[in-house]
PDB file of N, CA and C in Angstrom:
ATOM      1  N   MET A   1     112.089 111.323  87.950  1.00  0.00           N
ATOM      2  CA  MET A   1     112.504 112.374  88.827  1.00  0.00           C
ATOM      3  C   MET A   1     113.080 111.629  90.054  1.00  0.00           C
ATOM      4  N   THR A   2     114.363 111.822  90.471  1.00  0.00           N
ATOM      5  CA  THR A   2     114.614 111.085  91.635  1.00  0.00           C
ATOM      6  C   THR A   2     114.426 111.959  92.939  1.00  0.00           C
ATOM      7  N   VAL A   3     114.021 111.175  93.882  1.00  0.00           N
ATOM      8  CA  VAL A   3     113.757 112.006  95.336  1.00  0.00           C
ATOM      9  C   VAL A   3     114.433 111.316  96.255  1.00  0.00           C
ATOM     10  N   ASP A   4     114.670 112.297  97.262  1.00  0.00           N
ATOM     11  CA  ASP A   4     115.303 111.669  98.613  1.00  0.00           C
ATOM     12  C   ASP A   4     114.183 111.763  99.791  1.00  0.00           C
ATOM     13  N   LEU A   5     114.225 110.646 100.679  1.00  0.00           N
ATOM     14  CA  LEU A   5     113.055 110.344 101.430  1.00  0.00           C
ATOM     15  C   LEU A   5     113.791 111.130 102.884  1.00  0.00           C
ATOM     16  N   GLU A   6     113.018 111.972 103.587  1.00  0.00           N
ATOM     17  CA  GLU A   6     113.365 112.417 104.817  1.00  0.00           C
ATOM     18  C   GLU A   6     112.416 112.139 105.714  1.00  0.00           C
ATOM     19  N   ALA A   7     112.567 111.881 107.125  1.00  0.00           N
ATOM     20  CA  ALA A   7     111.773 111.714 108.174  1.00  0.00           C
ATOM     21  C   ALA A   7     111.958 112.660 109.374  1.00  0.00           C
ATOM     22  N   SER A   8     110.671 113.215 109.820  1.00  0.00           N
ATOM     23  CA  SER A   8     110.845 114.189 110.900  1.00  0.00           C
ATOM     24  C   SER A   8     109.690 113.538 111.918  1.00  0.00           C
ATOM     25  N   ALA A   9     109.762 114.373 112.886  1.00  0.00           N
ATOM     26  CA  ALA A   9     108.604 113.957 113.846  1.00  0.00           C
ATOM     27  C   ALA A   9     107.074 113.994 113.567  1.00  0.00           C
ATOM     28  N   LYS A  10     107.200 114.836 112.396  1.00  0.00           N
ATOM     29  CA  LYS A  10     105.718 115.407 111.804  1.00  0.00           C
ATOM     30  C   LYS A  10     105.547 114.287 110.764  1.00  0.00           C
ATOM     31  N   GLY A  11     106.342 113.657 110.011  1.00  0.00           N
ATOM     32  CA  GLY A  11     105.898 112.786 108.815  1.00  0.00           C
ATOM     33  C   GLY A  11     106.995 112.543 108.234  1.00  0.00           C
ATOM     34  N   LEU A  12     106.757 112.198 106.828  1.00  0.00           N
ATOM     35  CA  LEU A  12     107.759 111.786 105.833  1.00  0.00           C
ATOM     36  C   LEU A  12     107.633 112.883 104.685  1.00  0.00           C
ATOM     37  N   HIS A  13     108.891 113.098 104.294  1.00  0.00           N
ATOM     38  CA  HIS A  13     109.166 113.987 103.332  1.00  0.00           C
ATOM     39  C   HIS A  13     109.862 113.525 102.158  1.00  0.00           C
ATOM     40  N   PHE A  14     109.329 113.646 100.901  1.00  0.00           N
ATOM     41  CA  PHE A  14     109.886 113.308  99.599  1.00  0.00           C
ATOM     42  C   PHE A  14     110.508 114.515  98.936  1.00  0.00           C
ATOM     43  N   VAL A  15     111.758 114.720  98.839  1.00  0.00           N
ATOM     44  CA  VAL A  15     112.248 115.992  98.259  1.00  0.00           C
ATOM     45  C   VAL A  15     113.053 115.539  96.896  1.00  0.00           C
ATOM     46  N   SER A  16     112.653 116.391  95.724  1.00  0.00           N
ATOM     47  CA  SER A  16     113.323 116.054  94.500  1.00  0.00           C
ATOM     48  C   SER A  16     114.835 116.537  94.772  1.00  0.00           C
ATOM     49  N   ARG A  17     115.566 115.760  93.839  1.00  0.00           N
ATOM     50  CA  ARG A  17     116.898 116.162  93.625  1.00  0.00           C
ATOM     51  C   ARG A  17     116.844 117.455  92.470  1.00  0.00           C
ATOM     52  N   GLY A  18     115.468 118.012  91.993  1.00  0.00           N
ATOM     53  CA  GLY A  18     115.433 118.757  90.926  1.00  0.00           C
ATOM     54  C   GLY A  18     114.488 118.371  89.959  1.00  0.00           C
ATOM     55  N   TYR A  19     114.022 119.480  89.110  1.00  0.00           N
ATOM     56  CA  TYR A  19     113.181 119.179  88.039  1.00  0.00           C
ATOM     57  C   TYR A  19     113.642 120.085  87.023  1.00  0.00           C
ATOM     58  N   ALA A  20     113.137 119.900  85.741  1.00  0.00           N
ATOM     59  CA  ALA A  20     113.456 121.195  84.687  1.00  0.00           C
ATOM     60  C   ALA A  20     112.052 121.507  83.994  1.00  0.00           C
ATOM     61  N   LEU A  21     112.073 122.739  83.800  1.00  0.00           N
ATOM     62  CA  LEU A  21     111.005 123.433  82.886  1.00  0.00           C
ATOM     63  C   LEU A  21     111.801 124.325  81.982  1.00  0.00           C
ATOM     64  N   ALA A  22     110.754 124.583  80.986  1.00  0.00           N
ATOM     65  CA  ALA A  22     111.508 125.472  79.777  1.00  0.00           C
ATOM     66  C   ALA A  22     112.096 126.744  80.292  1.00  0.00           C
ATOM     67  N   LEU A  23     111.945 127.284  81.560  1.00  0.00           N
ATOM     68  CA  LEU A  23     112.246 128.264  82.276  1.00  0.00           C
ATOM     69  C   LEU A  23     113.417 128.125  83.133  1.00  0.00           C
ATOM     70  N   GLY A  24     114.107 126.965  83.322  1.00  0.00           N
ATOM     71  CA  GLY A  24     115.340 126.516  83.922  1.00  0.00           C
ATOM     72  C   GLY A  24     114.867 125.667  85.181  1.00  0.00           C
ATOM     73  N   PRO A  25     115.981 125.363  85.817  1.00  0.00           N
ATOM     74  CA  PRO A  25     115.873 124.319  86.835  1.00  0.00           C
ATOM     75  C   PRO A  25     114.783 124.656  88.159  1.00  0.00           C
ATOM     76  N   GLY A  26     114.369 123.596  88.762  1.00  0.00           N
ATOM     77  CA  GLY A  26     113.632 123.942  89.953  1.00  0.00           C
ATOM     78  C   GLY A  26     113.668 122.694  90.892  1.00  0.00           C
ATOM     79  N   ALA A  27     112.899 122.770  91.796  1.00  0.00           N
ATOM     80  CA  ALA A  27     112.716 121.692  92.875  1.00  0.00           C
ATOM     81  C   ALA A  27     111.192 121.289  93.095  1.00  0.00           C
ATOM     82  N   MET A  28     111.139 120.163  93.359  1.00  0.00           N
ATOM     83  CA  MET A  28     109.811 119.624  93.948  1.00  0.00           C
ATOM     84  C   MET A  28     110.046 118.957  95.256  1.00  0.00           C
ATOM     85  N   ARG A  29     108.940 119.104  96.111  1.00  0.00           N
ATOM     86  CA  ARG A  29     109.022 118.641  97.587  1.00  0.00           C
ATOM     87  C   ARG A  29     107.698 117.912  97.676  1.00  0.00           C
ATOM     88  N   LEU A  30     107.505 116.784  98.341  1.00  0.00           N
ATOM     89  CA  LEU A  30     106.329 116.177  98.466  1.00  0.00           C
ATOM     90  C   LEU A  30     106.422 115.629 100.103  1.00  0.00           C
ATOM     91  N   ASP A  31     105.573 116.378 100.803  1.00  0.00           N
ATOM     92  CA  ASP A  31     105.486 115.995 102.179  1.00  0.00           C
ATOM     93  C   ASP A  31     104.271 115.193 102.635  1.00  0.00           C
ATOM     94  N   HIS A  32     104.294 114.054 103.435  1.00  0.00           N
ATOM     95  CA  HIS A  32     103.339 113.422 103.939  1.00  0.00           C
ATOM     96  C   HIS A  32     103.466 113.741 105.384  1.00  0.00           C
ATOM     97  N   LEU A  33     102.409 114.309 106.024  1.00  0.00           N
ATOM     98  CA  LEU A  33     102.231 114.921 107.340  1.00  0.00           C
ATOM     99  C   LEU A  33     101.116 114.372 108.354  1.00  0.00           C
ATOM    100  N   ALA A  34     101.544 113.858 109.386  1.00  0.00           N
ATOM    101  CA  ALA A  34     100.620 113.517 110.456  1.00  0.00           C
ATOM    102  C   ALA A  34      99.970 114.873 110.829  1.00  0.00           C
ATOM    103  N   GLU A  35      98.383 114.670 110.706  1.00  0.00           N
ATOM    104  CA  GLU A  35      97.689 115.980 111.126  1.00  0.00           C
ATOM    105  C   GLU A  35      96.866 115.529 112.465  1.00  0.00           C
ATOM    106  N   GLY A  36      96.938 114.560 112.998  1.00  0.00           N
ATOM    107  CA  GLY A  36      95.990 113.938 114.209  1.00  0.00           C
ATOM    108  C   GLY A  36      95.711 112.494 114.015  1.00  0.00           C
ATOM    109  N   GLU A  37      94.969 112.074 114.850  1.00  0.00           N
ATOM    110  CA  GLU A  37      94.683 110.666 114.719  1.00  0.00           C
ATOM    111  C   GLU A  37      94.058 110.372 113.297  1.00  0.00           C
ATOM    112  N   HIS A  38      94.498 109.320 112.791  1.00  0.00           N
ATOM    113  CA  HIS A  38      93.882 108.720 111.479  1.00  0.00           C
ATOM    114  C   HIS A  38      93.695 109.967 110.488  1.00  0.00           C
ATOM    115  N   VAL A  39      94.539 111.058 110.517  1.00  0.00           N
ATOM    116  CA  VAL A  39      94.443 112.096 109.422  1.00  0.00           C
ATOM    117  C   VAL A  39      95.612 112.473 109.091  1.00  0.00           C
ATOM    118  N   PHE A  40      96.310 112.620 107.646  1.00  0.00           N
ATOM    119  CA  PHE A  40      97.239 113.067 107.192  1.00  0.00           C
ATOM    120  C   PHE A  40      97.108 113.781 106.038  1.00  0.00           C
ATOM    121  N   ALA A  41      98.100 114.712 105.838  1.00  0.00           N
ATOM    122  CA  ALA A  41      98.292 115.718 104.783  1.00  0.00           C
ATOM    123  C   ALA A  41      99.295 115.383 103.563  1.00  0.00           C
ATOM    124  N   VAL A  42      98.857 115.389 102.394  1.00  0.00           N
ATOM    125  CA  VAL A  42     100.212 115.405 101.330  1.00  0.00           C
ATOM    126  C   VAL A  42     100.194 116.876 100.952  1.00  0.00           C
ATOM    127  N   VAL A  43     101.479 117.334 100.837  1.00  0.00           N
ATOM    128  CA  VAL A  43     101.674 118.740 100.443  1.00  0.00           C
ATOM    129  C   VAL A  43     102.713 118.689  99.377  1.00  0.00           C
ATOM    130  N   LEU A  44     102.482 119.057  98.028  1.00  0.00           N
ATOM    131  CA  LEU A  44     103.177 119.177  96.843  1.00  0.00           C
ATOM    132  C   LEU A  44     103.811 120.707  96.880  1.00  0.00           C
ATOM    133  N   THR A  45     105.017 120.934  96.777  1.00  0.00           N
ATOM    134  CA  THR A  45     105.540 122.285  96.506  1.00  0.00           C
ATOM    135  C   THR A  45     106.386 122.013  95.368  1.00  0.00           C
ATOM    136  N   LEU A  46     106.375 123.110  94.297  1.00  0.00           N
ATOM    137  CA  LEU A  46     107.358 123.322  93.448  1.00  0.00           C
ATOM    138  C   LEU A  46     108.063 124.877  93.729  1.00  0.00           C
ATOM    139  N   THR A  47     109.158 124.690  93.510  1.00  0.00           N
ATOM    140  CA  THR A  47     109.672 126.261  93.682  1.00  0.00           C
ATOM    141  C   THR A  47     110.817 126.319  92.695  1.00  0.00           C
ATOM    142  N   HIS A  48     110.975 127.473  92.204  1.00  0.00           N
ATOM    143  CA  HIS A  48     111.913 127.896  91.354  1.00  0.00           C
ATOM    144  C   HIS A  48     112.949 128.974  91.621  1.00  0.00           C
ATOM    145  N   PRO A  49     114.137 128.800  91.253  1.00  0.00           N
ATOM    146  CA  PRO A  49     115.216 129.890  91.870  1.00  0.00           C
ATOM    147  C   PRO A  49     115.026 131.371  91.667  1.00  0.00           C
ATOM    148  N   TRP A  50     114.261 131.608  90.520  1.00  0.00           N
ATOM    149  CA  TRP A  50     113.965 133.037  90.151  1.00  0.00           C
ATOM    150  C   TRP A  50     112.607 133.364  90.460  1.00  0.00           C
ATOM    151  N   PHE A  51     111.806 132.491  90.408  1.00  0.00           N
ATOM    152  CA  PHE A  51     110.176 132.874  90.737  1.00  0.00           C
ATOM    153  C   PHE A  51     109.656 132.401  92.297  1.00  0.00           C
ATOM    154  N   GLY A  52     110.485 131.877  92.911  1.00  0.00           N
ATOM    155  CA  GLY A  52     110.188 131.272  94.311  1.00  0.00           C
ATOM    156  C   GLY A  52     109.052 130.046  94.126  1.00  0.00           C
ATOM    157  N   CYS A  53     107.975 130.036  95.246  1.00  0.00           N
ATOM    158  CA  CYS A  53     107.126 129.017  95.085  1.00  0.00           C
ATOM    159  C   CYS A  53     106.087 129.095  93.993  1.00  0.00           C
ATOM    160  N   VAL A  54     106.112 128.223  92.943  1.00  0.00           N
ATOM    161  CA  VAL A  54     105.151 128.322  91.964  1.00  0.00           C
ATOM    162  C   VAL A  54     103.962 127.516  92.073  1.00  0.00           C
ATOM    163  N   LEU A  55     104.026 126.699  92.873  1.00  0.00           N
ATOM    164  CA  LEU A  55     102.779 125.763  93.083  1.00  0.00           C
ATOM    165  C   LEU A  55     102.896 125.059  94.564  1.00  0.00           C
ATOM    166  N   ARG A  56     101.782 125.122  95.229  1.00  0.00           N
ATOM    167  CA  ARG A  56     101.706 124.441  96.609  1.00  0.00           C
ATOM    168  C   ARG A  56     100.370 123.911  96.553  1.00  0.00           C
ATOM    169  N   GLN A  57     100.310 122.478  96.891  1.00  0.00           N
ATOM    170  CA  GLN A  57      98.833 121.958  96.686  1.00  0.00           C
ATOM    171  C   GLN A  57      98.828 120.969  97.850  1.00  0.00           C
ATOM    172  N   THR A  58      97.806 121.171  98.870  1.00  0.00           N
ATOM    173  CA  THR A  58      97.658 120.532  99.780  1.00  0.00           C
ATOM    174  C   THR A  58      96.481 119.485  99.843  1.00  0.00           C
ATOM    175  N   CYS A  59      96.348 118.134 100.119  1.00  0.00           N
ATOM    176  CA  CYS A  59      95.379 117.538 100.417  1.00  0.00           C
ATOM    177  C   CYS A  59      95.365 116.563 101.776  1.00  0.00           C
ATOM    178  N   LEU A  60      94.346 116.637 102.284  1.00  0.00           N
ATOM    179  CA  LEU A  60      94.082 116.105 103.610  1.00  0.00           C
ATOM    180  C   LEU A  60      93.320 114.739 103.453  1.00  0.00           C
ATOM    181  N   PHE A  61      93.655 113.569 104.174  1.00  0.00           N
ATOM    182  CA  PHE A  61      93.230 112.357 104.015  1.00  0.00           C
ATOM    183  C   PHE A  61      92.964 111.862 105.352  1.00  0.00           C
ATOM    184  N   ARG A  62      91.618 111.239 105.476  1.00  0.00           N
ATOM    185  CA  ARG A  62      91.442 110.411 106.833  1.00  0.00           C
ATOM    186  C   ARG A  62      91.371 109.182 106.472  1.00  0.00           C
ATOM    187  N   ASP A  63      91.942 108.160 107.404  1.00  0.00           N
ATOM    188  CA  ASP A  63      91.780 106.723 107.239  1.00  0.00           C
ATOM    189  C   ASP A  63      90.478 106.409 107.855  1.00  0.00           C
ATOM    190  N   THR A  64      89.882 105.430 106.926  1.00  0.00           N
ATOM    191  CA  THR A  64      88.540 105.164 107.454  1.00  0.00           C
ATOM    192  C   THR A  64      88.383 103.499 107.132  1.00  0.00           C
ATOM    193  N   LYS A  65      87.385 102.826 107.954  1.00  0.00           N
ATOM    194  CA  LYS A  65      87.366 101.209 107.855  1.00  0.00           C
ATOM    195  C   LYS A  65      86.418 101.029 106.891  1.00  0.00           C
ATOM    196  N   ASP A  66      86.739  99.897 106.056  1.00  0.00           N
ATOM    197  CA  ASP A  66      85.594  99.564 105.212  1.00  0.00           C
ATOM    198  C   ASP A  66      84.538  98.952 105.629  1.00  0.00           C
ATOM    199  N   GLN A  67      83.237  99.215 105.473  1.00  0.00           N
ATOM    200  CA  GLN A  67      82.178  98.497 106.221  1.00  0.00           C
ATOM    201  C   GLN A  67      82.175  96.935 105.810  1.00  0.00           C
ATOM    202  N   ASN A  68      82.660  96.417 104.845  1.00  0.00           N
ATOM    203  CA  ASN A  68      82.830  95.131 104.470  1.00  0.00           C
ATOM    204  C   ASN A  68      83.985  94.243 104.993  1.00  0.00           C
ATOM    205  N   SER A  69      84.961  94.888 105.457  1.00  0.00           N
ATOM    206  CA  SER A  69      86.131  94.364 106.049  1.00  0.00           C
ATOM    207  C   SER A  69      86.967  95.110 107.099  1.00  0.00           C
ATOM    208  N   SER A  70      87.843  94.653 107.802  1.00  0.00           N
ATOM    209  CA  SER A  70      88.554  95.436 108.686  1.00  0.00           C
ATOM    210  C   SER A  70      89.625  96.237 108.223  1.00  0.00           C
ATOM    211  N   ALA A  71      89.907  95.856 106.910  1.00  0.00           N
ATOM    212  CA  ALA A  71      90.906  96.847 106.207  1.00  0.00           C
ATOM    213  C   ALA A  71      90.642  98.315 106.429  1.00  0.00           C
ATOM    214  N   SER A  72      91.691  99.110 106.513  1.00  0.00           N
ATOM    215  CA  SER A  72      91.398 100.586 106.426  1.00  0.00           C
ATOM    216  C   SER A  72      91.956 101.265 105.010  1.00  0.00           C
ATOM    217  N   ARG A  73      91.512 102.266 104.671  1.00  0.00           N
ATOM    218  CA  ARG A  73      91.664 102.901 103.539  1.00  0.00           C
ATOM    219  C   ARG A  73      91.587 104.343 103.700  1.00  0.00           C
ATOM    220  N   SER A  74      92.506 105.045 102.547  1.00  0.00           N
ATOM    221  CA  SER A  74      92.374 106.579 102.951  1.00  0.00           C
ATOM    222  C   SER A  74      91.467 107.246 101.968  1.00  0.00           C
ATOM    223  N   ARG A  75      90.747 108.317 102.481  1.00  0.00           N
ATOM    224  CA  ARG A  75      89.943 109.111 101.599  1.00  0.00           C
ATOM    225  C   ARG A  75      90.185 110.586 101.647  1.00  0.00           C
ATOM    226  N   ALA A  76      90.163 111.210 100.593  1.00  0.00           N
ATOM    227  CA  ALA A  76      90.294 112.391 100.534  1.00  0.00           C
ATOM    228  C   ALA A  76      89.604 113.441 101.384  1.00  0.00           C
ATOM    229  N   MET A  77      89.802 114.318 102.202  1.00  0.00           N
ATOM    230  CA  MET A  77      88.861 115.196 102.914  1.00  0.00           C
ATOM    231  C   MET A  77      88.672 116.657 102.257  1.00  0.00           C
ATOM    232  N   SER A  78      90.081 117.042 101.759  1.00  0.00           N
ATOM    233  CA  SER A  78      89.653 118.220 101.153  1.00  0.00           C
ATOM    234  C   SER A  78      91.257 118.701 100.489  1.00  0.00           C
ATOM    235  N   ILE A  79      90.882 119.682  99.530  1.00  0.00           N
ATOM    236  CA  ILE A  79      92.013 119.865  98.523  1.00  0.00           C
ATOM    237  C   ILE A  79      92.228 121.324  98.529  1.00  0.00           C
ATOM    238  N   ALA A  80      93.646 121.963  98.745  1.00  0.00           N
ATOM    239  CA  ALA A  80      93.625 123.266  98.529  1.00  0.00           C
ATOM    240  C   ALA A  80      94.957 123.521  97.973  1.00  0.00           C
ATOM    241  N   HIS A  81      95.066 124.553  97.033  1.00  0.00           N
ATOM    242  CA  HIS A  81      96.378 124.772  96.210  1.00  0.00           C
ATOM    243  C   HIS A  81      96.431 126.188  96.331  1.00  0.00           C
ATOM    244  N   SER A  82      97.602 126.816  96.108  1.00  0.00           N
ATOM    245  CA  SER A  82      97.945 128.180  95.913  1.00  0.00           C
ATOM    246  C   SER A  82      99.442 128.292  95.028  1.00  0.00           C
ATOM    247  N   PRO A  83      99.437 129.452  94.417  1.00  0.00           N
ATOM    248  CA  PRO A  83     100.828 129.479  93.565  1.00  0.00           C
ATOM    249  C   PRO A  83     101.841 130.173  94.635  1.00  0.00           C
TER     250      PRO A  83
END
């Protein structure tokens, strides 16, 4: 899948140039969004020209510090999805 990277004041957006299903072509979008200090969301959306939004999944992450080092990592906070 080929994606284009777009930047906005809110975050990074990964937008596909298309995807294909047995029901015809569609589009995928992946957004990486700032949600506050050390918190970001990843939103996956699949849309179809006939059916509209067929999948929307959101996952929130919080950067945390490793107790054994100063390196930070991302930890999932919650996951939500809807068609």
